[in-house]
Amino acid sequence: MELKEIKAAISQISEERGIPFEKVLETFEQALASAYKKEYGKKGQLIRSKIDLETGEVKFWQEKVVVDEKEVKEGKIKFNPERQILFEEAKKIKPDIKVGEELIIPLEVKKDYGRIAAQTAKQVILQKLKETERELVFQEYKSKEGQIVSGVVQRVEPKAVYLNIGKTLGILPKEEQVQGEFYRPGQRLRVYIVKVEQTPRGPSVILSRSHPKLVTRLFELEVPEIQSGQVEIKSIAREAGSRTKIAVVSKVKEIDAIGAMVGHRGTRVGAVINELGGEKIDIVLYSEKPEEYIANALSPAKVLEVRILPKNKALAIVPDDQLSLAIGKDGQNVRLAAKLTNWKIDVKSKSEVEKEEKTS
């Protein structure tokens, strides 16, 4: 293969597969070295190659680690003649070599190598390109762990939904789906990347629609004040598909944290609710004072008083007509408030507390 052809082939593959030119060149060189080893080398040898992009010349060499003969005789090192060379032998080739260094031994380029390489290297190149692609995809999505991406549903199976998220398919397992949400091919969704793992088949990207951080990231996209650091999300508690409570605080006196989250006429919170399929969202104000924070967390119920008790417990006293609202359907409101604040919250009506105080 002529130099122009080599460069053209590398450039073409680089553009078609979205792999950097240097990576494709490196893959070519690895494939040529593998082909050389297969035809002329021995098992266990470490053979490298380099293409000179100025001249088109291909160089081959073998690498051996220099070892101390004394350590070999004492059994401290298991000697492998294909990967290692004794110090005394190495000095004959390179007088200033030291133990532990790698000795480079140039190899002859065989006359018939071009014909053999063309046959042998093709398959190796394709395989190594696949490995390179997988590694690049893995690195790209590994860096996106904890972020959200947009994906299109490709197929729906009983245990998982598979989404096209760009350069690979992401997996939305049953346990990361939202109960009551239905997925269909062609549907576009925003999903949270939980974790990315490397597998023999390539990168495995685990997605979530139920993770609390999905709501956090959606608000980060909608609310510029979060991106600028003027508003901070302090805590979030979510029962996916039903309700989320989110605690925020303003870092700037002039900015109303809740107002920033809600947006003009509710546009910002509305966009997040629409993405979550109508999930209810309570936005409350965070406070360093636990009494205030717990009272805010029980929103939309009005709280008369919060009493801090031992062992991280708190008693919230509400008007009689607010008791069911404070507790919520199946206890959801108080349960989410407890998750949000990290306090064990007991809710009682004013009359119930008064009655207990009279009898005690």
Protein backbone atom coordinates (compact mmCIF):
# COMPACT_ATOMS: atom_id res chain seq x y z
CA MET A 1 0.00 0.00 0.00
CA GLU A 2 1.40 3.39 -1.03
CA LEU A 3 1.75 6.28 1.45
CA LYS A 4 -1.11 8.23 -0.18
CA GLU A 5 -3.36 5.17 0.05
CA ILE A 6 -2.45 4.64 3.72
CA LYS A 7 -3.24 8.26 4.59
CA ALA A 8 -6.47 8.21 2.56
CA ALA A 9 -7.63 4.96 4.19
CA ILE A 10 -6.88 6.27 7.70
CA SER A 11 -8.66 9.59 6.98
CA GLN A 12 -11.70 7.81 5.55
CA ILE A 13 -12.05 5.48 8.53
CA SER A 14 -11.48 8.39 10.92
CA GLU A 15 -14.32 10.40 9.34
CA GLU A 16 -16.76 7.50 8.90
CA ARG A 17 -16.39 6.13 12.44
CA GLY A 18 -15.70 9.36 14.29
CA ILE A 19 -12.35 8.11 15.60
CA PRO A 20 -9.38 10.51 15.82
CA PHE A 21 -6.80 10.14 12.99
CA GLU A 22 -4.05 9.30 15.53
CA LYS A 23 -6.13 6.47 17.01
CA VAL A 24 -6.78 4.92 13.58
CA LEU A 25 -3.06 5.25 12.72
CA GLU A 26 -2.18 3.54 15.99
CA THR A 27 -4.64 0.74 15.15
CA PHE A 28 -3.05 0.31 11.70
CA GLU A 29 0.38 0.05 13.29
CA GLN A 30 -0.83 -2.51 15.85
CA ALA A 31 -2.45 -4.56 13.08
CA LEU A 32 0.72 -4.51 10.95
CA ALA A 33 2.76 -5.65 13.97
CA SER A 34 0.24 -8.45 14.66
CA ALA A 35 0.40 -9.57 11.03
CA TYR A 36 4.22 -9.54 11.09
CA LYS A 37 4.27 -11.58 14.31
CA LYS A 38 1.80 -14.10 12.90
CA GLU A 39 3.92 -14.69 9.78
CA TYR A 40 7.48 -14.39 11.10
CA GLY A 41 7.45 -14.10 14.87
CA LYS A 42 7.05 -16.46 17.80
CA LYS A 43 4.42 -16.78 20.50
CA GLY A 44 5.00 -14.40 23.41
CA GLN A 45 7.09 -11.90 21.46
CA LEU A 46 6.34 -8.17 21.81
CA ILE A 47 6.53 -6.73 18.32
CA ARG A 48 5.81 -3.11 17.46
CA SER A 49 5.57 -1.18 14.20
CA LYS A 50 5.65 2.46 13.11
CA ILE A 51 4.49 4.07 9.87
CA ASP A 52 6.53 7.10 8.83
CA LEU A 53 3.91 9.47 7.39
CA GLU A 54 6.63 11.46 5.63
CA THR A 55 8.14 8.59 3.65
CA GLY A 56 5.61 5.75 3.95
CA GLU A 57 8.33 3.49 5.39
CA VAL A 58 7.20 0.88 7.92
CA LYS A 59 9.61 -0.10 10.69
CA PHE A 60 9.32 -3.15 12.93
CA TRP A 61 11.07 -3.92 16.18
CA GLN A 62 10.95 -6.31 19.08
CA GLU A 63 10.97 -5.13 22.70
CA LYS A 64 12.68 -7.09 25.50
CA VAL A 65 13.11 -6.18 29.16
CA VAL A 66 16.67 -6.36 30.48
CA VAL A 67 16.97 -8.67 33.52
CA ASP A 68 19.78 -9.53 35.94
CA GLU A 69 21.28 -13.00 35.34
CA LYS A 70 21.89 -13.43 39.09
CA GLU A 71 18.20 -12.89 39.89
CA VAL A 72 17.25 -15.40 37.19
CA LYS A 73 19.64 -18.05 38.63
CA GLU A 74 18.33 -17.43 42.16
CA GLY A 75 14.77 -17.96 40.92
CA LYS A 76 13.65 -14.43 41.75
CA ILE A 77 12.68 -13.91 38.11
CA LYS A 78 11.09 -16.45 35.80
CA PHE A 79 13.01 -15.95 32.56
CA ASN A 80 11.08 -15.69 29.28
CA PRO A 81 13.53 -15.49 26.33
CA GLU A 82 10.82 -14.01 24.06
CA ARG A 83 10.07 -11.10 26.40
CA GLN A 84 13.33 -10.75 28.33
CA ILE A 85 17.07 -10.55 27.69
CA LEU A 86 19.96 -11.06 30.09
CA PHE A 87 21.96 -7.97 31.01
CA GLU A 88 25.26 -9.29 29.58
CA GLU A 89 23.62 -10.08 26.22
CA ALA A 90 21.84 -6.73 26.12
CA LYS A 91 25.12 -4.83 26.70
CA LYS A 92 26.53 -6.32 23.49
CA ILE A 93 23.70 -4.62 21.57
CA LYS A 94 23.50 -1.41 23.62
CA PRO A 95 26.48 -0.84 25.95
CA ASP A 96 24.79 1.81 28.15
CA ILE A 97 21.63 -0.24 28.79
CA LYS A 98 20.52 -0.79 32.40
CA VAL A 99 18.62 -3.58 34.16
CA GLY A 100 14.87 -2.94 33.98
CA GLU A 101 15.04 -0.94 30.76
CA GLU A 102 13.51 -2.06 27.47
CA LEU A 103 15.85 -3.06 24.66
CA ILE A 104 14.63 -2.30 21.15
CA ILE A 105 15.76 -4.85 18.58
CA PRO A 106 15.12 -3.76 14.95
CA LEU A 107 13.51 -6.40 12.73
CA GLU A 108 13.99 -6.96 9.02
CA VAL A 109 11.12 -6.01 6.71
CA LYS A 110 10.57 -9.12 4.57
CA LYS A 111 10.23 -8.76 0.81
CA ASP A 112 6.90 -10.56 0.68
CA TYR A 113 5.54 -8.71 3.71
CA GLY A 114 3.31 -6.33 1.70
CA ARG A 115 1.35 -9.20 0.12
CA ILE A 116 1.01 -11.11 3.40
CA ALA A 117 0.13 -7.97 5.39
CA ALA A 118 -2.67 -7.08 2.99
CA GLN A 119 -4.26 -10.50 3.63
CA THR A 120 -3.54 -10.83 7.35
CA ALA A 121 -3.82 -7.26 8.64
CA LYS A 122 -7.33 -6.51 7.31
CA GLN A 123 -9.14 -8.70 9.82
CA VAL A 124 -6.93 -7.50 12.69
CA ILE A 125 -7.49 -3.86 11.73
CA LEU A 126 -11.29 -4.31 11.70
CA GLN A 127 -11.19 -6.05 15.09
CA LYS A 128 -8.94 -3.41 16.63
CA LEU A 129 -11.10 -0.61 15.20
CA LYS A 130 -14.13 -2.19 16.92
CA GLU A 131 -12.19 -2.30 20.19
CA THR A 132 -11.10 1.33 19.74
CA GLU A 133 -14.69 2.40 18.99
CA ARG A 134 -15.94 0.60 22.09
CA GLU A 135 -13.27 2.17 24.28
CA LEU A 136 -14.01 5.68 22.97
CA VAL A 137 -17.76 5.20 23.49
CA PHE A 138 -17.12 3.85 26.99
CA GLN A 139 -14.91 6.84 27.89
CA GLU A 140 -17.43 9.32 26.47
CA TYR A 141 -20.40 7.94 28.41
CA LYS A 142 -18.37 7.20 31.55
CA SER A 143 -17.69 10.94 31.71
CA LYS A 144 -21.46 11.52 31.52
CA GLU A 145 -22.33 9.42 34.60
CA GLY A 146 -24.66 11.45 36.80
CA GLN A 147 -25.85 13.56 33.84
CA ILE A 148 -28.97 13.43 31.69
CA VAL A 149 -29.12 12.64 28.00
CA SER A 150 -31.87 12.57 25.43
CA GLY A 151 -32.70 9.21 23.88
CA VAL A 152 -35.13 7.60 21.46
CA VAL A 153 -36.83 4.33 22.38
CA GLN A 154 -35.59 1.60 20.02
CA ARG A 155 -37.27 -1.46 21.47
CA VAL A 156 -39.38 -2.41 24.46
CA GLU A 157 -38.84 -5.74 26.23
CA PRO A 158 -40.43 -7.14 29.43
CA LYS A 159 -37.31 -6.56 31.56
CA ALA A 160 -35.83 -3.47 29.91
CA VAL A 161 -36.34 -0.64 27.42
CA TYR A 162 -33.49 0.11 24.99
CA LEU A 163 -32.86 3.71 23.93
CA ASN A 164 -30.64 5.12 21.21
CA ILE A 165 -28.62 7.77 23.09
CA GLY A 166 -26.25 8.70 20.25
CA LYS A 167 -23.28 6.40 19.80
CA THR A 168 -24.71 3.42 21.66
CA LEU A 169 -27.88 1.88 23.07
CA GLY A 170 -28.68 2.64 26.69
CA ILE A 171 -30.55 0.22 28.93
CA LEU A 172 -33.51 1.34 31.03
CA PRO A 173 -34.08 -1.63 33.38
CA LYS A 174 -37.48 -2.40 34.91
CA GLU A 175 -36.36 -1.20 38.36
CA GLU A 176 -35.31 2.20 36.91
CA GLN A 177 -38.60 2.76 35.08
CA VAL A 178 -41.47 4.84 36.45
CA GLN A 179 -44.52 2.85 37.46
CA GLY A 180 -47.39 3.87 35.19
CA GLU A 181 -45.16 5.20 32.40
CA PHE A 182 -45.58 3.52 29.03
CA TYR A 183 -42.76 3.39 26.49
CA ARG A 184 -43.13 2.99 22.73
CA PRO A 185 -40.60 2.81 19.85
CA GLY A 186 -39.77 6.24 18.45
CA GLN A 187 -40.60 8.02 21.72
CA ARG A 188 -38.06 10.65 22.80
CA LEU A 189 -37.17 10.76 26.49
CA ARG A 190 -34.69 12.41 28.80
CA VAL A 191 -32.92 9.88 30.99
CA TYR A 192 -30.39 9.93 33.82
CA ILE A 193 -27.14 7.97 33.35
CA VAL A 194 -26.75 5.89 36.51
CA LYS A 195 -23.59 3.98 35.64
CA VAL A 196 -21.45 2.90 32.69
CA GLU A 197 -19.59 -0.40 32.66
CA GLN A 198 -17.27 -2.05 30.15
CA THR A 199 -18.40 -5.52 29.02
CA PRO A 200 -17.08 -8.00 26.39
CA ARG A 201 -19.87 -6.79 24.07
CA GLY A 202 -19.00 -3.15 24.59
CA PRO A 203 -20.08 -0.42 27.00
CA SER A 204 -23.22 -1.00 29.07
CA VAL A 205 -24.99 2.29 29.84
CA ILE A 206 -27.60 1.96 32.60
CA LEU A 207 -30.31 4.62 32.46
CA SER A 208 -33.01 5.76 34.87
CA ARG A 209 -36.32 7.60 34.73
CA SER A 210 -37.01 7.13 38.45
CA HIS A 211 -33.79 8.52 39.97
CA PRO A 212 -34.25 11.69 42.08
CA LYS A 213 -31.23 13.25 40.36
CA LEU A 214 -33.17 13.21 37.06
CA VAL A 215 -35.42 15.93 38.53
CA THR A 216 -32.38 17.87 39.80
CA ARG A 217 -30.72 17.79 36.36
CA LEU A 218 -33.95 18.82 34.59
CA PHE A 219 -34.24 21.88 36.83
CA GLU A 220 -30.57 22.69 36.16
CA LEU A 221 -31.42 22.84 32.44
CA GLU A 222 -34.49 25.02 32.97
CA VAL A 223 -33.25 27.42 35.68
CA PRO A 224 -30.26 29.64 34.73
CA GLU A 225 -29.94 30.76 38.37
CA ILE A 226 -28.92 27.20 39.32
CA GLN A 227 -26.29 27.11 36.58
CA SER A 228 -24.87 30.47 37.76
CA GLY A 229 -24.83 29.34 41.41
CA GLN A 230 -27.35 31.95 42.55
CA VAL A 231 -29.87 29.28 43.53
CA GLU A 232 -28.89 25.93 45.05
CA ILE A 233 -30.84 22.69 45.33
CA LYS A 234 -30.13 21.48 48.86
CA SER A 235 -32.15 18.27 48.95
CA ILE A 236 -34.62 16.20 46.96
CA ALA A 237 -37.03 13.38 47.82
CA ARG A 238 -38.94 11.54 45.12
CA GLU A 239 -41.56 8.88 44.69
CA ALA A 240 -41.23 8.54 40.93
CA GLY A 241 -44.39 9.00 38.89
CA SER A 242 -46.30 10.45 41.83
CA ARG A 243 -44.61 13.28 43.75
CA THR A 244 -41.29 15.02 44.34
CA LYS A 245 -40.27 17.46 47.04
CA ILE A 246 -37.30 19.69 46.38
CA ALA A 247 -35.65 22.13 48.82
CA VAL A 248 -33.90 25.21 47.46
CA VAL A 249 -32.06 28.22 48.82
CA SER A 250 -31.02 31.53 47.29
CA LYS A 251 -27.39 32.59 47.51
CA VAL A 252 -28.29 36.14 46.49
CA LYS A 253 -30.66 38.32 48.56
CA GLU A 254 -32.35 39.82 45.50
CA ILE A 255 -33.37 36.43 44.08
CA ASP A 256 -36.44 34.50 45.21
CA ALA A 257 -35.35 30.84 45.03
CA ILE A 258 -38.87 29.41 44.71
CA GLY A 259 -39.84 32.05 42.13
CA ALA A 260 -36.74 31.21 40.06
CA MET A 261 -37.63 27.51 40.13
CA VAL A 262 -41.28 28.11 39.20
CA GLY A 263 -40.52 30.63 36.44
CA HIS A 264 -42.81 33.21 34.83
CA ARG A 265 -46.34 31.82 34.97
CA GLY A 266 -44.93 28.45 35.98
CA THR A 267 -43.08 27.86 32.71
CA ARG A 268 -39.94 26.38 34.26
CA VAL A 269 -41.54 23.97 36.70
CA GLY A 270 -44.16 23.21 34.03
CA ALA A 271 -41.46 22.07 31.59
CA VAL A 272 -40.06 19.67 34.20
CA ILE A 273 -43.54 18.36 35.10
CA ASN A 274 -44.28 17.74 31.40
CA GLU A 275 -41.00 15.81 30.99
CA LEU A 276 -41.98 13.68 34.01
CA GLY A 277 -45.44 12.93 32.65
CA GLY A 278 -47.38 15.11 35.10
CA GLU A 279 -45.55 14.19 38.32
CA LYS A 280 -46.43 16.62 41.13
CA ILE A 281 -43.55 18.80 42.38
CA ASP A 282 -43.44 20.69 45.68
CA ILE A 283 -40.73 23.35 45.81
CA VAL A 284 -39.93 24.41 49.38
CA LEU A 285 -37.48 26.79 50.99
CA TYR A 286 -34.49 25.28 52.77
CA SER A 287 -33.57 26.63 56.21
CA GLU A 288 -30.69 26.05 58.59
CA LYS A 289 -33.28 26.11 61.38
CA PRO A 290 -34.81 22.61 61.58
CA GLU A 291 -38.18 23.94 62.83
CA GLU A 292 -38.55 26.19 59.78
CA TYR A 293 -37.23 23.56 57.37
CA ILE A 294 -39.61 20.85 58.60
CA ALA A 295 -42.59 23.27 58.50
CA ASN A 296 -41.69 24.22 54.91
CA ALA A 297 -41.21 20.58 53.92
CA LEU A 298 -44.78 19.71 54.94
CA SER A 299 -46.10 22.13 52.32
CA PRO A 300 -48.81 22.53 51.04
CA ALA A 301 -50.10 22.01 54.61
CA LYS A 302 -49.86 24.94 57.05
CA VAL A 303 -47.87 24.16 60.21
CA LEU A 304 -48.54 25.93 63.51
CA GLU A 305 -45.51 24.70 65.41
CA VAL A 306 -42.61 22.26 65.15
CA ARG A 307 -41.13 20.78 68.31
CA ILE A 308 -37.66 19.23 68.12
CA LEU A 309 -37.46 15.99 70.10
CA PRO A 310 -34.51 13.70 70.99
CA LYS A 311 -33.07 11.13 68.57
CA ASN A 312 -33.57 13.28 65.46
CA LYS A 313 -37.35 13.29 65.89
CA ALA A 314 -39.73 16.20 65.41
CA LEU A 315 -43.40 16.83 66.15
CA ALA A 316 -45.31 19.01 63.68
CA ILE A 317 -48.53 20.54 65.02
CA VAL A 318 -51.09 21.54 62.38
CA PRO A 319 -54.61 22.99 62.42
CA ASP A 320 -57.28 20.30 62.66
CA ASP A 321 -58.47 20.91 59.10
CA GLN A 322 -54.88 20.54 57.78
CA LEU A 323 -54.09 17.14 59.34
CA SER A 324 -55.02 14.96 56.37
CA LEU A 325 -53.24 17.37 53.98
CA ALA A 326 -50.08 17.33 56.11
CA ILE A 327 -50.03 13.55 56.27
CA GLY A 328 -51.04 13.13 52.64
CA LYS A 329 -52.61 10.21 50.81
CA ASP A 330 -51.23 6.97 52.27
CA GLY A 331 -48.85 9.13 54.34
CA GLN A 332 -46.96 10.32 51.27
CA ASN A 333 -46.59 14.01 52.21
CA VAL A 334 -45.07 13.41 55.63
CA ARG A 335 -42.97 10.52 54.29
CA LEU A 336 -41.42 12.71 51.57
CA ALA A 337 -40.92 15.57 54.05
CA ALA A 338 -39.03 13.17 56.33
CA LYS A 339 -36.82 12.03 53.43
CA LEU A 340 -36.21 15.60 52.34
CA THR A 341 -35.20 16.92 55.78
CA ASN A 342 -33.67 13.71 57.17
CA TRP A 343 -35.83 14.07 60.30
CA LYS A 344 -38.34 11.56 61.70
CA ILE A 345 -41.53 13.61 61.60
CA ASP A 346 -44.71 12.94 63.57
CA VAL A 347 -47.76 15.03 62.61
CA LYS A 348 -50.57 15.78 65.04
CA SER A 349 -53.54 18.15 65.04
CA LYS A 350 -53.70 21.07 67.47
CA SER A 351 -56.72 19.61 69.33
CA GLU A 352 -54.99 16.21 69.64
CA VAL A 353 -51.91 17.82 71.24
CA GLU A 354 -54.05 19.94 73.58
CA LYS A 355 -55.98 16.85 74.66
CA GLU A 356 -52.74 14.96 75.39
CA GLU A 357 -51.34 17.91 77.36
CA LYS A 358 -54.51 18.14 79.50
CA THR A 359 -54.45 14.42 80.38
CA SER A 360 -50.70 14.27 81.08
